[in-house]
Amino acid sequence: MQITTLIIAPTFFAATAYVVLGSLINHHPTLSRVRPRTYITIFVCADITSLVIQAVGGALASIASGQTNGNTKPGTNIMVAGIVFQLVSMTLFVGFLADFAGRAIGKGVLGRGPMLSLGGVLGSVALIFVRSIYRTVELAQGWSGYLITHEGMTRGD
């Protein structure tokens, strides 16, 4: 249950960021290099792909862990690849977001509400980055690595 939540939850936060940026662009379409729907289509598809890659890796690791002398490394590596793919797509999104924000701020067209929305998007994306980097390091250590066996430190136990 916990691994499933850790894999799926960031996808919904990221999708919200894409929708919010798309909404802001709808109000100022000349400030974006890409149409709002294109953002949603590209980045939601990238997140779904990332989710599928992570799920496949998790399934393979789970199957291997149930076998005598099972090797969880290939499945774990696939999970890490899914997280890294998500990091790459989020980095691309941040580039587009920064481009739009720079243009909008430079022209002074955003009011307080849209500026707060941009801040919220940046904050959520930053937290997804932190999560993804942590999970990448954690899984790279394997299922018996220090971070995954000492998660009490991250939960406040």
Foldseek 3Di string as FASTA:
>chain_A
DVVLCLLPVLLVLLLVLLQLVQVVCVVVVVQAPDHSVVSNVVLNVLSVVLSVQLVQLVVQLVVQVVDDVRDSVVSLVSNLVSLVSNVVSLVVVVVRLVSSVVSCVVVVPDDPVSVVSSVSSVVSSVVSNVSSVVSNVVSVLPCPRDCNVPVCVVVVD
